[in-house]
Amino acid sequence: MNTETVYPILAGKRALVVGVANEHSIAWGCALAFRKLGADVVLTYLNEKAYPHVAPLAAEIDAQLLPLDVTQPGQLEALFAALAGQGPLDIVVHSIAFAPKADLQGGLLDCSLDGFLQAMDVSCHSFVRMAKLAAPLMTGGGTLFAMSYHGANKVVPNYNVMGPVKAALEAACRYLAYELGPQAIRVHAISPGPLQTRAASGLKDFDRLLNDAVERAPIGELVDIVDVGNTCAYLASPYAHRLTGSTVYVDSGLNIVA
């Protein structure tokens, strides 16, 4: 018998979750956790091709669903304009990243300027833009999350250009935490262990990363999207109201192993 009792610690809060592509997405784990703890959730979908995969998930948790492609001028501003007319915003999850396949699968030395700039724009600078638009809506304070990876701090074979990009993202989180702290807005980078998501499928020899994680992590298990979502839900709750600017690892301890 499941005797779990869930206290709706996020009741009355509103969460924007960007980056759900399907039921395996890290962003979906976050949306589930927020909803389970009582928050109202807004999801975004990338384009018409993605809509049929995201719409049923939005319906499952009674979430509002709005379009967002951060590479299209004006879409991010339009999203926040729509949200502004609906009341305060409390939580934002940025779980999007992109690099052209040739630049992602080649070494950093061979990464093109266009590929590097595109990876930095989608994966890092769009979070800064998002934070600037979200802050005025977080009238009672709030929490911003960006998704990183251990390859930001240590060399992970085949992670290539995304290593420097995620390092920039983690630094951006720290600086945003400093700038937004006086408004009671907290900012965290979340660094999950390797997960079998659509985005990860673009990495060369990804199965090897998964096997290595199981063998080397102290807990000896892979994490899943629910683990990541639960961590974000805790950090967005009043229980973590004095925590900000951290890179939080959700990786069964893999990051501590030399």
Protein backbone atom coordinates (compact mmCIF):
# COMPACT_ATOMS: atom_id res chain seq x y z
CA MET A 1 0.00 0.00 0.00
CA ASN A 2 1.29 3.47 -0.89
CA THR A 3 0.98 5.53 2.28
CA GLU A 4 2.88 8.56 0.97
CA THR A 5 1.44 11.85 2.15
CA VAL A 6 2.34 14.88 0.07
CA TYR A 7 2.16 18.34 1.62
CA PRO A 8 1.40 20.92 -1.09
CA ILE A 9 4.26 23.22 -0.13
CA LEU A 10 4.11 24.96 -3.53
CA ALA A 11 0.35 25.59 -3.50
CA GLY A 12 -0.45 29.03 -4.85
CA LYS A 13 2.85 29.23 -6.75
CA ARG A 14 3.20 29.44 -10.52
CA ALA A 15 6.04 27.72 -12.37
CA LEU A 16 7.21 28.23 -15.94
CA VAL A 17 9.03 25.15 -17.27
CA VAL A 18 10.89 25.56 -20.57
CA GLY A 19 12.35 22.56 -22.36
CA VAL A 20 9.81 19.73 -22.31
CA ALA A 21 10.20 17.75 -25.53
CA ASN A 22 8.69 14.44 -24.39
CA GLU A 23 8.09 12.34 -21.29
CA HIS A 24 11.83 11.65 -20.94
CA SER A 25 12.80 15.33 -20.66
CA ILE A 26 14.41 16.64 -17.49
CA ALA A 27 12.01 19.56 -17.69
CA TRP A 28 9.08 17.14 -17.52
CA GLY A 29 10.44 15.71 -14.25
CA CYS A 30 10.49 19.26 -12.88
CA ALA A 31 6.95 19.98 -14.06
CA LEU A 32 5.67 16.79 -12.43
CA ALA A 33 7.34 17.60 -9.11
CA PHE A 34 6.03 21.17 -9.02
CA ARG A 35 2.51 20.07 -9.84
CA LYS A 36 2.60 17.26 -7.29
CA LEU A 37 3.44 19.82 -4.61
CA GLY A 38 0.58 22.11 -5.61
CA ALA A 39 2.04 24.62 -8.08
CA ASP A 40 0.29 25.75 -11.23
CA VAL A 41 2.51 24.97 -14.21
CA VAL A 42 3.06 26.64 -17.57
CA LEU A 43 4.86 24.59 -20.23
CA THR A 44 6.30 25.67 -23.55
CA TYR A 45 6.67 23.82 -26.83
CA LEU A 46 9.34 24.53 -29.43
CA ASN A 47 7.32 24.42 -32.65
CA GLU A 48 4.40 22.74 -34.41
CA LYS A 49 6.42 19.55 -34.83
CA ALA A 50 6.94 19.35 -31.07
CA TYR A 51 3.37 20.29 -30.13
CA PRO A 52 1.80 16.79 -30.45
CA HIS A 53 4.44 15.39 -28.08
CA VAL A 54 4.06 18.10 -25.43
CA ALA A 55 0.32 18.81 -25.53
CA PRO A 56 -0.73 15.48 -23.92
CA LEU A 57 1.78 16.04 -21.12
CA ALA A 58 0.42 19.52 -20.48
CA ALA A 59 -3.09 18.09 -20.33
CA GLU A 60 -1.94 15.42 -17.87
CA ILE A 61 -0.99 18.04 -15.28
CA ASP A 62 -3.54 20.68 -16.33
CA ALA A 63 -0.77 23.00 -17.46
CA GLN A 64 -1.05 26.02 -19.71
CA LEU A 65 0.89 25.49 -22.94
CA LEU A 66 2.54 28.31 -24.89
CA PRO A 67 4.99 28.41 -27.82
CA LEU A 68 8.64 29.34 -27.36
CA ASP A 69 11.63 29.18 -29.67
CA VAL A 70 14.32 31.40 -28.15
CA THR A 71 16.04 31.72 -31.54
CA GLN A 72 13.01 33.50 -33.00
CA PRO A 73 13.01 37.26 -32.37
CA GLY A 74 10.20 38.38 -30.09
CA GLN A 75 8.98 34.95 -28.96
CA LEU A 76 10.54 35.13 -25.51
CA GLU A 77 9.15 38.62 -24.98
CA ALA A 78 5.71 37.51 -26.18
CA LEU A 79 5.73 34.60 -23.74
CA PHE A 80 6.43 36.82 -20.75
CA ALA A 81 3.95 39.43 -21.93
CA ALA A 82 1.28 36.72 -21.87
CA LEU A 83 2.37 35.59 -18.41
CA ALA A 84 2.43 39.15 -17.08
CA GLY A 85 -1.31 39.43 -17.57
CA GLN A 86 -1.94 36.39 -15.40
CA GLY A 87 -0.35 37.38 -12.12
CA PRO A 88 2.96 36.76 -10.35
CA LEU A 89 5.50 34.14 -11.36
CA ASP A 90 7.44 32.18 -8.74
CA ILE A 91 9.57 29.54 -10.48
CA VAL A 92 11.33 29.35 -13.85
CA VAL A 93 13.16 26.31 -15.23
CA HIS A 94 15.43 26.78 -18.22
CA SER A 95 16.16 23.30 -19.60
CA ILE A 96 17.15 23.96 -23.20
CA ALA A 97 20.47 23.57 -24.98
CA PHE A 98 21.60 23.27 -28.56
CA ALA A 99 24.71 23.02 -30.71
CA PRO A 100 24.85 22.10 -34.40
CA LYS A 101 25.61 18.38 -34.73
CA ALA A 102 28.89 18.90 -36.58
CA ASP A 103 30.13 21.28 -33.91
CA LEU A 104 28.88 19.11 -31.05
CA GLN A 105 30.43 15.89 -32.31
CA GLY A 106 33.71 17.45 -33.40
CA GLY A 107 36.43 18.54 -31.00
CA LEU A 108 36.51 22.07 -29.59
CA LEU A 109 39.39 22.98 -31.92
CA ASP A 110 37.16 22.30 -34.90
CA CYS A 111 34.08 24.09 -33.59
CA SER A 112 32.97 26.82 -35.98
CA LEU A 113 32.36 30.37 -34.83
CA ASP A 114 28.72 30.17 -35.90
CA GLY A 115 28.27 26.88 -34.04
CA PHE A 116 29.91 28.21 -30.88
CA LEU A 117 27.80 31.36 -30.90
CA GLN A 118 24.60 29.43 -31.51
CA ALA A 119 25.36 27.03 -28.68
CA MET A 120 26.12 29.93 -26.34
CA ASP A 121 23.00 31.85 -27.35
CA VAL A 122 20.50 29.01 -26.92
CA SER A 123 22.16 27.25 -24.00
CA CYS A 124 23.37 30.20 -21.94
CA HIS A 125 22.41 33.71 -22.98
CA SER A 126 18.74 32.80 -23.39
CA PHE A 127 18.73 32.05 -19.64
CA VAL A 128 20.02 35.56 -18.92
CA ARG A 129 17.32 37.00 -21.17
CA MET A 130 14.74 34.84 -19.44
CA ALA A 131 15.87 35.98 -16.01
CA LYS A 132 15.58 39.65 -17.01
CA LEU A 133 12.00 39.14 -18.21
CA ALA A 134 11.00 36.94 -15.27
CA ALA A 135 12.33 39.17 -12.51
CA PRO A 136 9.61 41.87 -12.76
CA LEU A 137 6.95 39.15 -12.46
CA MET A 138 8.54 37.65 -9.33
CA THR A 139 6.99 40.28 -7.10
CA GLY A 140 7.21 38.07 -4.03
CA GLY A 141 10.62 36.63 -4.84
CA GLY A 142 11.20 33.39 -6.69
CA THR A 143 13.64 30.81 -7.97
CA LEU A 144 15.35 30.41 -11.33
CA PHE A 145 16.91 27.14 -12.48
CA ALA A 146 19.28 26.32 -15.33
CA MET A 147 20.43 22.82 -16.28
CA SER A 148 24.17 22.16 -16.43
CA TYR A 149 26.41 19.09 -16.45
CA HIS A 150 29.69 17.98 -14.83
CA GLY A 151 31.43 18.62 -18.15
CA ALA A 152 31.31 22.32 -17.24
CA ASN A 153 34.01 21.78 -14.63
CA LYS A 154 35.90 18.66 -15.71
CA VAL A 155 36.73 17.37 -19.15
CA VAL A 156 34.19 14.74 -20.21
CA PRO A 157 35.21 13.03 -23.46
CA ASN A 158 32.91 13.91 -26.36
CA TYR A 159 31.16 16.74 -24.49
CA ASN A 160 33.23 19.13 -26.57
CA VAL A 161 31.84 22.65 -27.11
CA MET A 162 29.11 22.16 -24.51
CA GLY A 163 31.75 22.10 -21.75
CA PRO A 164 32.73 25.76 -22.16
CA VAL A 165 29.10 26.71 -22.79
CA LYS A 166 27.87 25.06 -19.58
CA ALA A 167 30.78 26.62 -17.66
CA ALA A 168 29.52 30.00 -18.84
CA LEU A 169 25.99 29.05 -17.80
CA GLU A 170 27.10 28.15 -14.27
CA ALA A 171 28.99 31.45 -13.99
CA ALA A 172 25.90 33.28 -15.24
CA CYS A 173 23.85 31.65 -12.49
CA ARG A 174 26.25 32.93 -9.85
CA TYR A 175 26.23 36.48 -11.18
CA LEU A 176 22.46 36.48 -11.56
CA ALA A 177 22.11 35.21 -7.99
CA TYR A 178 24.20 38.17 -6.86
CA GLU A 179 22.25 40.72 -8.88
CA LEU A 180 18.79 39.35 -8.10
CA GLY A 181 19.34 38.51 -4.44
CA PRO A 182 18.06 41.88 -3.20
CA GLN A 183 14.74 41.05 -4.88
CA ALA A 184 14.56 37.72 -3.01
CA ILE A 185 15.07 35.89 -6.32
CA ARG A 186 17.31 32.87 -5.98
CA VAL A 187 19.24 31.26 -8.83
CA HIS A 188 20.65 27.73 -9.08
CA ALA A 189 22.44 25.67 -11.67
CA ILE A 190 21.35 22.03 -11.47
CA SER A 191 23.89 19.44 -12.63
CA PRO A 192 22.27 16.04 -13.17
CA GLY A 193 24.22 12.89 -13.84
CA PRO A 194 23.92 11.42 -17.35
CA LEU A 195 20.29 10.81 -18.34
CA GLN A 196 18.85 9.13 -21.40
CA THR A 197 17.14 12.16 -22.92
CA ARG A 198 16.67 13.23 -26.53
CA ALA A 199 19.30 15.93 -26.11
CA ALA A 200 21.85 13.43 -24.79
CA SER A 201 21.39 11.22 -27.83
CA GLY A 202 23.45 13.71 -29.81
CA LEU A 203 26.58 12.95 -27.77
CA LYS A 204 29.02 10.41 -29.16
CA ASP A 205 29.43 7.20 -27.09
CA PHE A 206 26.75 8.32 -24.63
CA ASP A 207 26.07 4.74 -23.53
CA ARG A 208 29.63 4.63 -22.24
CA LEU A 209 28.90 7.65 -20.03
CA LEU A 210 25.86 5.89 -18.58
CA ASN A 211 27.81 2.73 -17.80
CA ASP A 212 30.65 4.73 -16.28
CA ALA A 213 28.22 6.61 -14.05
CA VAL A 214 26.79 3.38 -12.63
CA GLU A 215 30.24 1.91 -12.02
CA ARG A 216 31.84 4.97 -10.42
CA ALA A 217 29.08 6.79 -8.52
CA PRO A 218 29.10 6.11 -4.76
CA ILE A 219 25.39 5.26 -4.76
CA GLY A 220 25.89 3.09 -7.84
CA GLU A 221 22.66 4.06 -9.58
CA LEU A 222 21.64 6.33 -12.42
CA VAL A 223 19.47 9.28 -11.56
CA ASP A 224 16.19 9.94 -13.33
CA ILE A 225 14.11 12.97 -14.20
CA VAL A 226 12.05 12.64 -11.02
CA ASP A 227 15.20 12.94 -8.92
CA VAL A 228 16.04 16.19 -10.68
CA GLY A 229 12.48 17.48 -10.38
CA ASN A 230 12.29 16.73 -6.67
CA THR A 231 15.56 18.58 -6.08
CA CYS A 232 14.25 21.64 -7.90
CA ALA A 233 10.97 21.48 -5.99
CA TYR A 234 12.88 21.48 -2.69
CA LEU A 235 15.06 24.41 -3.78
CA ALA A 236 11.97 26.35 -4.87
CA SER A 237 10.25 25.77 -1.53
CA PRO A 238 10.45 27.84 1.66
CA TYR A 239 12.73 25.15 3.10
CA ALA A 240 15.54 26.47 0.88
CA HIS A 241 14.82 30.20 1.00
CA ARG A 242 18.37 31.10 2.06
CA LEU A 243 20.12 29.02 -0.59
CA THR A 244 21.23 30.66 -3.83
CA GLY A 245 24.02 30.74 -6.39
CA SER A 246 24.85 27.05 -6.08
CA THR A 247 25.60 24.37 -8.63
CA VAL A 248 23.64 21.46 -7.21
CA TYR A 249 24.68 17.99 -8.32
CA VAL A 250 22.01 15.33 -8.69
CA ASP A 251 24.25 12.47 -9.81
CA SER A 252 24.44 9.78 -7.09
CA GLY A 253 27.70 11.39 -5.98
CA LEU A 254 29.57 10.86 -9.25
CA ASN A 255 31.05 14.37 -9.16
CA ILE A 256 33.11 13.65 -6.01
CA VAL A 257 34.98 10.72 -7.55
CA ALA A 258 38.40 11.42 -9.07
